Amino acid sequence: MQFLKKHFEKIILSVVLALLGGAAVWLSLAVKEAKVQVEKGPGAPPPAKPWTNLVVGVYSNALEALTNAPEVVLTGEHNLFNSGTWIKLRDGTLRKVTKSGVDALSVTGIRPLYFSITLDSQASDVFLLTARHDYGAGPVHWYGRPGEKAEPRKPYPIVGTNSAPDKPTVMVLQMQIPETGETVTVSSGAPYRKLEGYEADMKYSASDVTNMFSNKHVGDMLPLSDYSFKIIAISSNIVTVQDARTSQKTDKKWNPGASAAAATEGGAVQREEQQASAKSRTEN
């Protein structure tokens, strides 16, 4: 008993040291075992089982609907983003305006415009000539002789003559164009022709009115209801117009095949409006 009292602290310290030593040994063994488990990696996956009676139609339809979503149309006759306009006709009925401005303008015909010089007749060394522009001033007739200078009454001088190679009896004139300085040939069977431009026929077919514009040229104005457009260019198949308010340019293509149908439709609309107007006057 005296021994325990004398060495009590040493005994407790020895027990604690023994426990710490045992814990250190256990911890070392646990770390080694964990390291071995980590190095082995995950175990093999369980065997896969095939799916049976799988219905994927609903999901396929949903994916297809998302892929082929309908296009959002912000133009046209709906009124979500485009306010509707109604007009009152002369007979008192209302009509919805679905097309106006440049959208209601179409080209019904395009024709080329030429400048030409023709040899009309000959008497000895005097030649009767005619210069003509398809658009503009009227024809100019004059008698000309070789070697004369250009003047207002004789605008295109004859600078030389010879006979046609294949027809010695046909006289060929070499004539000068003062504006360009070029020399051209004119004979009784072959006049000189040069393309100068085009003129166009157009139709404005809106919901409230139908107007026909004939023989229009570059620079002409087109009054379209509340709009006004200027023709700034004409080619063989396109008429370019410019909005007088916004200066926006628009190309209107000519479709010869559709022109006849458009003209017939325009005539029918005009007749309908005339009949409605006559009916209104009769009722009044």
C-alpha atoms as a PDB file:
ATOM      1  CA  MET A   1       0.000   0.000   0.000  1.00  0.00           C
ATOM      2  CA  GLN A   2       2.873   2.275   0.832  1.00  0.00           C
ATOM      3  CA  PHE A   3       4.340   1.358  -2.556  1.00  0.00           C
ATOM      4  CA  LEU A   4       1.210   2.483  -4.390  1.00  0.00           C
ATOM      5  CA  LYS A   5       1.063   5.722  -2.463  1.00  0.00           C
ATOM      6  CA  LYS A   6       4.732   6.374  -3.107  1.00  0.00           C
ATOM      7  CA  HIS A   7       4.652   5.564  -6.851  1.00  0.00           C
ATOM      8  CA  PHE A   8       1.010   6.555  -7.706  1.00  0.00           C
ATOM      9  CA  GLU A   9       1.937   9.242 -10.250  1.00  0.00           C
ATOM     10  CA  LYS A  10       4.509   7.029 -11.964  1.00  0.00           C
ATOM     11  CA  ILE A  11       1.942   4.238 -12.323  1.00  0.00           C
ATOM     12  CA  ILE A  12      -0.633   6.588 -13.898  1.00  0.00           C
ATOM     13  CA  LEU A  13       2.000   8.042 -16.259  1.00  0.00           C
ATOM     14  CA  SER A  14       3.070   4.503 -17.301  1.00  0.00           C
ATOM     15  CA  VAL A  15      -0.558   3.564 -18.065  1.00  0.00           C
ATOM     16  CA  VAL A  16      -1.071   6.721 -20.155  1.00  0.00           C
ATOM     17  CA  LEU A  17       2.135   6.102 -22.063  1.00  0.00           C
ATOM     18  CA  ALA A  18       1.102   2.524 -22.747  1.00  0.00           C
ATOM     19  CA  LEU A  19      -2.292   3.697 -24.074  1.00  0.00           C
ATOM     20  CA  LEU A  20      -0.634   6.305 -26.269  1.00  0.00           C
ATOM     21  CA  GLY A  21       1.754   3.703 -27.630  1.00  0.00           C
ATOM     22  CA  GLY A  22      -1.131   1.381 -28.422  1.00  0.00           C
ATOM     23  CA  ALA A  23      -3.039   4.201 -30.147  1.00  0.00           C
ATOM     24  CA  ALA A  24       0.005   5.043 -32.263  1.00  0.00           C
ATOM     25  CA  VAL A  25       0.367   1.440 -33.361  1.00  0.00           C
ATOM     26  CA  TRP A  26      -3.376   1.200 -34.184  1.00  0.00           C
ATOM     27  CA  LEU A  27      -3.332   4.465 -36.110  1.00  0.00           C
ATOM     28  CA  SER A  28      -0.366   3.311 -38.203  1.00  0.00           C
ATOM     29  CA  LEU A  29      -2.109   0.058 -39.062  1.00  0.00           C
ATOM     30  CA  ALA A  30      -5.369   1.913 -39.938  1.00  0.00           C
ATOM     31  CA  VAL A  31      -3.532   4.285 -42.292  1.00  0.00           C
ATOM     32  CA  LYS A  32      -1.872   1.358 -44.091  1.00  0.00           C
ATOM     33  CA  GLU A  33      -5.194  -0.435 -44.469  1.00  0.00           C
ATOM     34  CA  ALA A  34      -6.885   2.735 -45.840  1.00  0.00           C
ATOM     35  CA  LYS A  35      -4.052   3.243 -48.312  1.00  0.00           C
ATOM     36  CA  VAL A  36      -4.473  -0.317 -49.583  1.00  0.00           C
ATOM     37  CA  GLN A  37      -8.220   0.226 -50.061  1.00  0.00           C
ATOM     38  CA  VAL A  38      -7.649   3.475 -51.967  1.00  0.00           C
ATOM     39  CA  GLU A  39      -5.107   1.875 -54.295  1.00  0.00           C
ATOM     40  CA  LYS A  40      -7.527  -0.929 -55.160  1.00  0.00           C
ATOM     41  CA  GLY A  41      -9.981   1.673 -56.593  1.00  0.00           C
ATOM     42  CA  PRO A  42     -13.738   1.331 -56.911  1.00  0.00           C
ATOM     43  CA  GLY A  43     -15.181  -2.038 -57.423  1.00  0.00           C
ATOM     44  CA  ALA A  44     -16.586  -3.378 -60.696  1.00  0.00           C
ATOM     45  CA  PRO A  45     -19.961  -1.839 -61.739  1.00  0.00           C
ATOM     46  CA  PRO A  46     -23.021  -3.963 -61.369  1.00  0.00           C
ATOM     47  CA  PRO A  47     -24.179  -5.733 -64.537  1.00  0.00           C
ATOM     48  CA  ALA A  48     -26.414  -3.575 -66.742  1.00  0.00           C
ATOM     49  CA  LYS A  49     -30.002  -4.649 -67.271  1.00  0.00           C
ATOM     50  CA  PRO A  50     -31.684  -3.905 -70.616  1.00  0.00           C
ATOM     51  CA  TRP A  51     -34.734  -1.603 -70.613  1.00  0.00           C
ATOM     52  CA  THR A  52     -37.909  -3.164 -71.839  1.00  0.00           C
ATOM     53  CA  ASN A  53     -41.143  -1.551 -73.120  1.00  0.00           C
ATOM     54  CA  LEU A  54     -39.539   1.896 -73.146  1.00  0.00           C
ATOM     55  CA  VAL A  55     -41.926   4.540 -74.604  1.00  0.00           C
ATOM     56  CA  VAL A  56     -39.987   7.534 -76.040  1.00  0.00           C
ATOM     57  CA  GLY A  57     -42.622   8.925 -78.419  1.00  0.00           C
ATOM     58  CA  VAL A  58     -43.695  11.682 -76.052  1.00  0.00           C
ATOM     59  CA  TYR A  59     -40.122  12.837 -75.562  1.00  0.00           C
ATOM     60  CA  SER A  60     -39.315  12.633 -79.285  1.00  0.00           C
ATOM     61  CA  ASN A  61     -42.373  14.722 -80.145  1.00  0.00           C
ATOM     62  CA  ALA A  62     -41.424  17.298 -77.533  1.00  0.00           C
ATOM     63  CA  LEU A  63     -37.869  17.581 -78.906  1.00  0.00           C
ATOM     64  CA  GLU A  64     -39.176  17.871 -82.462  1.00  0.00           C
ATOM     65  CA  ALA A  65     -41.585  20.618 -81.435  1.00  0.00           C
ATOM     66  CA  LEU A  66     -38.725  22.553 -79.857  1.00  0.00           C
ATOM     67  CA  THR A  67     -36.531  22.073 -82.934  1.00  0.00           C
ATOM     68  CA  ASN A  68     -39.254  23.049 -85.436  1.00  0.00           C
ATOM     69  CA  ALA A  69     -40.757  25.900 -83.490  1.00  0.00           C
ATOM     70  CA  PRO A  70     -43.139  28.068 -85.548  1.00  0.00           C
ATOM     71  CA  GLU A  71     -41.646  31.298 -86.875  1.00  0.00           C
ATOM     72  CA  VAL A  72     -42.752  34.465 -85.179  1.00  0.00           C
ATOM     73  CA  VAL A  73     -44.328  36.665 -87.864  1.00  0.00           C
ATOM     74  CA  LEU A  74     -44.357  40.345 -86.969  1.00  0.00           C
ATOM     75  CA  THR A  75     -45.729  41.536 -90.316  1.00  0.00           C
ATOM     76  CA  GLY A  76     -48.869  40.838 -92.290  1.00  0.00           C
ATOM     77  CA  GLU A  77     -52.513  41.504 -91.678  1.00  0.00           C
ATOM     78  CA  HIS A  78     -52.613  40.750 -87.966  1.00  0.00           C
ATOM     79  CA  ASN A  79     -52.908  43.654 -85.554  1.00  0.00           C
ATOM     80  CA  LEU A  80     -50.557  42.577 -82.763  1.00  0.00           C
ATOM     81  CA  PHE A  81     -47.716  44.809 -83.968  1.00  0.00           C
ATOM     82  CA  ASN A  82     -49.398  46.402 -86.984  1.00  0.00           C
ATOM     83  CA  SER A  83     -52.330  48.694 -86.372  1.00  0.00           C
ATOM     84  CA  GLY A  84     -55.244  48.172 -88.715  1.00  0.00           C
ATOM     85  CA  THR A  85     -56.668  50.990 -90.836  1.00  0.00           C
ATOM     86  CA  TRP A  86     -60.207  51.136 -92.164  1.00  0.00           C
ATOM     87  CA  ILE A  87     -61.467  53.498 -94.849  1.00  0.00           C
ATOM     88  CA  LYS A  88     -64.953  54.513 -95.863  1.00  0.00           C
ATOM     89  CA  LEU A  89     -65.734  54.085 -99.561  1.00  0.00           C
ATOM     90  CA  ARG A  90     -67.981  56.371-101.539  1.00  0.00           C
ATOM     91  CA  ASP A  91     -70.915  54.003-101.155  1.00  0.00           C
ATOM     92  CA  GLY A  92     -70.591  54.165 -97.354  1.00  0.00           C
ATOM     93  CA  THR A  93     -69.115  50.701 -96.829  1.00  0.00           C
ATOM     94  CA  LEU A  94     -65.940  50.138 -94.830  1.00  0.00           C
ATOM     95  CA  ARG A  95     -62.856  48.417 -96.209  1.00  0.00           C
ATOM     96  CA  LYS A  96     -59.755  47.348 -94.327  1.00  0.00           C
ATOM     97  CA  VAL A  97     -56.487  48.759 -95.662  1.00  0.00           C
ATOM     98  CA  THR A  98     -54.102  45.809 -95.905  1.00  0.00           C
ATOM     99  CA  LYS A  99     -51.642  47.200 -98.428  1.00  0.00           C
ATOM    100  CA  SER A 100     -50.483  50.742 -99.110  1.00  0.00           C
ATOM    101  CA  GLY A 101     -47.432  52.802 -99.960  1.00  0.00           C
ATOM    102  CA  VAL A 102     -44.603  51.206-101.886  1.00  0.00           C
ATOM    103  CA  ASP A 103     -45.925  47.707-101.071  1.00  0.00           C
ATOM    104  CA  ALA A 104     -48.959  48.410-103.270  1.00  0.00           C
ATOM    105  CA  LEU A 105     -46.825  49.620-106.192  1.00  0.00           C
ATOM    106  CA  SER A 106     -46.000  47.255-109.049  1.00  0.00           C
ATOM    107  CA  VAL A 107     -44.423  47.468-112.502  1.00  0.00           C
ATOM    108  CA  THR A 108     -46.685  46.495-115.405  1.00  0.00           C
ATOM    109  CA  GLY A 109     -44.342  47.254-118.304  1.00  0.00           C
ATOM    110  CA  ILE A 110     -40.886  48.540-119.280  1.00  0.00           C
ATOM    111  CA  ARG A 111     -39.896  49.721-122.755  1.00  0.00           C
ATOM    112  CA  PRO A 112     -36.487  50.784-124.119  1.00  0.00           C
ATOM    113  CA  LEU A 113     -35.975  54.342-125.393  1.00  0.00           C
ATOM    114  CA  TYR A 114     -33.726  54.890-128.403  1.00  0.00           C
ATOM    115  CA  PHE A 115     -32.051  57.749-130.196  1.00  0.00           C
ATOM    116  CA  SER A 116     -32.027  57.160-133.952  1.00  0.00           C
ATOM    117  CA  ILE A 117     -30.869  58.763-137.198  1.00  0.00           C
ATOM    118  CA  THR A 118     -32.553  57.587-140.398  1.00  0.00           C
ATOM    119  CA  LEU A 119     -31.881  58.290-144.076  1.00  0.00           C
ATOM    120  CA  ASP A 120     -35.290  59.002-145.592  1.00  0.00           C
ATOM    121  CA  SER A 121     -34.409  59.849-149.185  1.00  0.00           C
ATOM    122  CA  GLN A 122     -31.600  60.982-151.521  1.00  0.00           C
ATOM    123  CA  ALA A 123     -31.404  63.375-154.483  1.00  0.00           C
ATOM    124  CA  SER A 124     -27.948  63.507-156.034  1.00  0.00           C
ATOM    125  CA  ASP A 125     -25.620  64.599-153.200  1.00  0.00           C
ATOM    126  CA  VAL A 126     -28.414  65.864-150.954  1.00  0.00           C
ATOM    127  CA  PHE A 127     -29.814  63.565-148.257  1.00  0.00           C
ATOM    128  CA  LEU A 128     -33.030  63.906-146.246  1.00  0.00           C
ATOM    129  CA  LEU A 129     -32.295  62.833-142.667  1.00  0.00           C
ATOM    130  CA  THR A 130     -34.335  62.525-139.486  1.00  0.00           C
ATOM    131  CA  ALA A 131     -33.036  62.439-135.890  1.00  0.00           C
ATOM    132  CA  ARG A 132     -35.485  61.228-133.274  1.00  0.00           C
ATOM    133  CA  HIS A 133     -35.483  60.658-129.517  1.00  0.00           C
ATOM    134  CA  ASP A 134     -38.140  58.244-128.256  1.00  0.00           C
ATOM    135  CA  TYR A 135     -38.490  60.488-125.227  1.00  0.00           C
ATOM    136  CA  GLY A 136     -38.161  64.260-125.273  1.00  0.00           C
ATOM    137  CA  ALA A 137     -38.375  66.716-128.139  1.00  0.00           C
ATOM    138  CA  GLY A 138     -39.985  65.769-131.414  1.00  0.00           C
ATOM    139  CA  PRO A 139     -38.079  64.563-134.501  1.00  0.00           C
ATOM    140  CA  VAL A 140     -35.689  66.869-136.371  1.00  0.00           C
ATOM    141  CA  HIS A 141     -35.698  66.728-140.215  1.00  0.00           C
ATOM    142  CA  TRP A 142     -33.010  68.325-142.376  1.00  0.00           C
ATOM    143  CA  TYR A 143     -31.292  68.153-145.759  1.00  0.00           C
ATOM    144  CA  GLY A 144     -27.598  67.491-145.494  1.00  0.00           C
ATOM    145  CA  ARG A 145     -24.582  67.388-147.769  1.00  0.00           C
ATOM    146  CA  PRO A 146     -21.177  65.832-147.097  1.00  0.00           C
ATOM    147  CA  GLY A 147     -18.690  68.258-145.549  1.00  0.00           C
ATOM    148  CA  GLU A 148     -21.191  70.581-143.872  1.00  0.00           C
ATOM    149  CA  LYS A 149     -20.634  71.673-140.274  1.00  0.00           C
ATOM    150  CA  ALA A 150     -23.027  71.029-137.443  1.00  0.00           C
ATOM    151  CA  GLU A 151     -25.616  73.711-136.715  1.00  0.00           C
ATOM    152  CA  PRO A 152     -28.955  73.814-134.868  1.00  0.00           C
ATOM    153  CA  ARG A 153     -30.948  73.067-138.015  1.00  0.00           C
ATOM    154  CA  LYS A 154     -28.474  70.350-139.080  1.00  0.00           C
ATOM    155  CA  PRO A 155     -27.285  68.816-135.799  1.00  0.00           C
ATOM    156  CA  TYR A 156     -25.408  65.777-137.149  1.00  0.00           C
ATOM    157  CA  PRO A 157     -23.038  66.493-140.071  1.00  0.00           C
ATOM    158  CA  ILE A 158     -22.144  64.049-142.833  1.00  0.00           C
ATOM    159  CA  VAL A 159     -18.368  63.502-142.759  1.00  0.00           C
ATOM    160  CA  GLY A 160     -18.106  60.870-145.502  1.00  0.00           C
ATOM    161  CA  THR A 161     -19.929  58.589-147.926  1.00  0.00           C
ATOM    162  CA  ASN A 162     -19.296  55.238-149.554  1.00  0.00           C
ATOM    163  CA  SER A 163     -21.192  52.308-151.003  1.00  0.00           C
ATOM    164  CA  ALA A 164     -22.159  49.205-149.087  1.00  0.00           C
ATOM    165  CA  PRO A 165     -19.671  46.365-149.798  1.00  0.00           C
ATOM    166  CA  ASP A 166     -22.392  43.849-150.669  1.00  0.00           C
ATOM    167  CA  LYS A 167     -24.736  46.365-152.365  1.00  0.00           C
ATOM    168  CA  PRO A 168     -22.889  48.958-154.446  1.00  0.00           C
ATOM    169  CA  THR A 169     -26.113  50.855-155.164  1.00  0.00           C
ATOM    170  CA  VAL A 170     -26.778  51.485-151.442  1.00  0.00           C
ATOM    171  CA  MET A 171     -25.223  54.674-150.121  1.00  0.00           C
ATOM    172  CA  VAL A 172     -23.712  54.577-146.626  1.00  0.00           C
ATOM    173  CA  LEU A 173     -23.222  57.854-144.743  1.00  0.00           C
ATOM    174  CA  GLN A 174     -20.593  58.458-142.070  1.00  0.00           C
ATOM    175  CA  MET A 175     -22.139  60.894-139.608  1.00  0.00           C
ATOM    176  CA  GLN A 176     -20.628  62.560-136.578  1.00  0.00           C
ATOM    177  CA  ILE A 177     -22.289  62.816-133.166  1.00  0.00           C
ATOM    178  CA  PRO A 178     -20.999  66.176-131.841  1.00  0.00           C
ATOM    179  CA  GLU A 179     -21.888  65.366-128.220  1.00  0.00           C
ATOM    180  CA  THR A 180     -19.549  62.359-128.131  1.00  0.00           C
ATOM    181  CA  GLY A 181     -17.295  62.920-131.149  1.00  0.00           C
ATOM    182  CA  GLU A 182     -17.981  59.407-132.441  1.00  0.00           C
ATOM    183  CA  THR A 183     -18.644  58.574-136.088  1.00  0.00           C
ATOM    184  CA  VAL A 184     -21.599  56.340-136.947  1.00  0.00           C
ATOM    185  CA  THR A 185     -22.967  54.888-140.166  1.00  0.00           C
ATOM    186  CA  VAL A 186     -26.441  55.418-141.605  1.00  0.00           C
ATOM    187  CA  SER A 187     -27.989  53.967-144.738  1.00  0.00           C
ATOM    188  CA  SER A 188     -31.463  53.703-146.192  1.00  0.00           C
ATOM    189  CA  GLY A 189     -31.863  50.163-144.906  1.00  0.00           C
ATOM    190  CA  ALA A 190     -29.952  50.476-141.638  1.00  0.00           C
ATOM    191  CA  PRO A 191     -30.615  53.498-139.420  1.00  0.00           C
ATOM    192  CA  TYR A 192     -28.365  54.333-136.489  1.00  0.00           C
ATOM    193  CA  ARG A 193     -29.890  53.447-133.111  1.00  0.00           C
ATOM    194  CA  LYS A 194     -28.576  53.936-129.571  1.00  0.00           C
ATOM    195  CA  LEU A 195     -30.243  52.957-126.312  1.00  0.00           C
ATOM    196  CA  GLU A 196     -30.819  56.042-124.159  1.00  0.00           C
ATOM    197  CA  GLY A 197     -32.907  54.639-121.319  1.00  0.00           C
ATOM    198  CA  TYR A 198     -36.253  53.109-120.433  1.00  0.00           C
ATOM    199  CA  GLU A 199     -39.781  54.157-119.617  1.00  0.00           C
ATOM    200  CA  ALA A 200     -42.138  52.236-117.366  1.00  0.00           C
ATOM    201  CA  ASP A 201     -45.835  51.648-116.747  1.00  0.00           C
ATOM    202  CA  MET A 202     -46.787  51.154-113.110  1.00  0.00           C
ATOM    203  CA  LYS A 203     -49.877  50.374-111.072  1.00  0.00           C
ATOM    204  CA  TYR A 204     -50.738  51.435-107.546  1.00  0.00           C
ATOM    205  CA  SER A 205     -53.287  49.007-106.140  1.00  0.00           C
ATOM    206  CA  ALA A 206     -53.993  49.803-102.486  1.00  0.00           C
ATOM    207  CA  SER A 207     -57.054  48.923-100.467  1.00  0.00           C
ATOM    208  CA  ASP A 208     -58.599  52.331-101.031  1.00  0.00           C
ATOM    209  CA  VAL A 209     -57.654  53.216-104.609  1.00  0.00           C
ATOM    210  CA  THR A 210     -56.167  51.844-107.829  1.00  0.00           C
ATOM    211  CA  ASN A 211     -54.147  54.165-110.072  1.00  0.00           C
ATOM    212  CA  MET A 212     -52.380  53.461-113.344  1.00  0.00           C
ATOM    213  CA  PHE A 213     -49.202  55.357-114.296  1.00  0.00           C
ATOM    214  CA  SER A 214     -48.192  55.208-117.967  1.00  0.00           C
ATOM    215  CA  ASN A 215     -44.991  56.266-119.753  1.00  0.00           C
ATOM    216  CA  LYS A 216     -43.119  57.226-116.603  1.00  0.00           C
ATOM    217  CA  HIS A 217     -39.443  58.213-116.744  1.00  0.00           C
ATOM    218  CA  VAL A 218     -36.577  58.878-114.376  1.00  0.00           C
ATOM    219  CA  GLY A 219     -37.403  61.951-112.306  1.00  0.00           C
ATOM    220  CA  ASP A 220     -41.188  61.565-112.448  1.00  0.00           C
ATOM    221  CA  MET A 221     -43.187  61.683-109.207  1.00  0.00           C
ATOM    222  CA  LEU A 222     -45.776  59.074-108.233  1.00  0.00           C
ATOM    223  CA  PRO A 223     -48.528  60.283-105.861  1.00  0.00           C
ATOM    224  CA  LEU A 224     -49.684  57.206-103.914  1.00  0.00           C
ATOM    225  CA  SER A 225     -52.581  58.118-101.591  1.00  0.00           C
ATOM    226  CA  ASP A 226     -50.811  59.732 -98.619  1.00  0.00           C
ATOM    227  CA  TYR A 227     -47.390  58.848-100.010  1.00  0.00           C
ATOM    228  CA  SER A 228     -45.204  60.337-102.720  1.00  0.00           C
ATOM    229  CA  PHE A 229     -42.401  58.512-104.513  1.00  0.00           C
ATOM    230  CA  LYS A 230     -39.856  59.600-107.120  1.00  0.00           C
ATOM    231  CA  ILE A 231     -38.510  57.371-109.877  1.00  0.00           C
ATOM    232  CA  ILE A 232     -34.704  57.540-109.663  1.00  0.00           C
ATOM    233  CA  ALA A 233     -33.678  54.676-111.976  1.00  0.00           C
ATOM    234  CA  ILE A 234     -35.159  52.376-114.617  1.00  0.00           C
ATOM    235  CA  SER A 235     -33.406  49.340-116.099  1.00  0.00           C
ATOM    236  CA  SER A 236     -34.648  46.592-118.383  1.00  0.00           C
ATOM    237  CA  ASN A 237     -36.443  44.816-115.507  1.00  0.00           C
ATOM    238  CA  ILE A 238     -36.273  47.018-112.374  1.00  0.00           C
ATOM    239  CA  VAL A 239     -37.726  50.386-111.418  1.00  0.00           C
ATOM    240  CA  THR A 240     -36.126  52.072-108.392  1.00  0.00           C
ATOM    241  CA  VAL A 241     -38.311  54.508-106.457  1.00  0.00           C
ATOM    242  CA  GLN A 242     -37.430  56.762-103.531  1.00  0.00           C
ATOM    243  CA  ASP A 243     -39.716  57.824-100.700  1.00  0.00           C
ATOM    244  CA  ALA A 244     -40.003  61.621-100.724  1.00  0.00           C
ATOM    245  CA  ARG A 245     -40.253  61.707 -96.907  1.00  0.00           C
ATOM    246  CA  THR A 246     -37.618  59.205 -95.784  1.00  0.00           C
ATOM    247  CA  SER A 247     -35.385  59.006 -98.917  1.00  0.00           C
ATOM    248  CA  GLN A 248     -35.584  55.212 -98.643  1.00  0.00           C
ATOM    249  CA  LYS A 249     -35.005  53.463-101.977  1.00  0.00           C
ATOM    250  CA  THR A 250     -36.973  50.436-103.129  1.00  0.00           C
ATOM    251  CA  ASP A 251     -36.476  48.251-106.210  1.00  0.00           C
ATOM    252  CA  LYS A 252     -39.650  47.073-107.923  1.00  0.00           C
ATOM    253  CA  LYS A 253     -39.024  44.212-110.327  1.00  0.00           C
ATOM    254  CA  TRP A 254     -40.950  43.731-113.530  1.00  0.00           C
ATOM    255  CA  ASN A 255     -42.461  40.316-114.168  1.00  0.00           C
ATOM    256  CA  PRO A 256     -43.805  40.334-117.758  1.00  0.00           C
ATOM    257  CA  GLY A 257     -45.846  37.190-117.127  1.00  0.00           C
ATOM    258  CA  ALA A 258     -47.694  38.724-114.172  1.00  0.00           C
ATOM    259  CA  SER A 259     -48.274  42.115-115.816  1.00  0.00           C
ATOM    260  CA  ALA A 260     -51.275  41.010-117.873  1.00  0.00           C
ATOM    261  CA  ALA A 261     -52.961  39.460-114.826  1.00  0.00           C
ATOM    262  CA  ALA A 262     -52.237  42.575-112.755  1.00  0.00           C
ATOM    263  CA  ALA A 263     -53.723  44.840-115.398  1.00  0.00           C
ATOM    264  CA  THR A 264     -56.870  42.709-115.542  1.00  0.00           C
ATOM    265  CA  GLU A 265     -57.173  42.801-111.749  1.00  0.00           C
ATOM    266  CA  GLY A 266     -56.726  46.579-111.714  1.00  0.00           C
ATOM    267  CA  GLY A 267     -59.471  47.015-114.294  1.00  0.00           C
ATOM    268  CA  ALA A 268     -61.823  44.839-112.259  1.00  0.00           C
ATOM    269  CA  VAL A 269     -61.199  46.922-109.129  1.00  0.00           C
ATOM    270  CA  GLN A 270     -61.844  50.156-111.018  1.00  0.00           C
ATOM    271  CA  ARG A 271     -65.076  48.784-112.432  1.00  0.00           C
ATOM    272  CA  GLU A 272     -66.161  47.696-108.946  1.00  0.00           C
ATOM    273  CA  GLU A 273     -65.557  51.176-107.537  1.00  0.00           C
ATOM    274  CA  GLN A 274     -67.356  52.809-110.477  1.00  0.00           C
ATOM    275  CA  GLN A 275     -70.370  50.537-110.004  1.00  0.00           C
ATOM    276  CA  ALA A 276     -70.434  51.298-106.255  1.00  0.00           C
ATOM    277  CA  SER A 277     -70.263  55.024-106.964  1.00  0.00           C
ATOM    278  CA  ALA A 278     -73.082  54.807-109.520  1.00  0.00           C
ATOM    279  CA  LYS A 279     -75.203  52.818-107.069  1.00  0.00           C
ATOM    280  CA  SER A 280     -74.612  55.446-104.381  1.00  0.00           C
ATOM    281  CA  ARG A 281     -75.657  58.296-106.675  1.00  0.00           C
ATOM    282  CA  THR A 282     -78.803  56.384-107.680  1.00  0.00           C
ATOM    283  CA  GLU A 283     -79.834  55.775-104.079  1.00  0.00           C
ATOM    284  CA  ASN A 284     -79.266  59.429-103.198  1.00  0.00           C
END
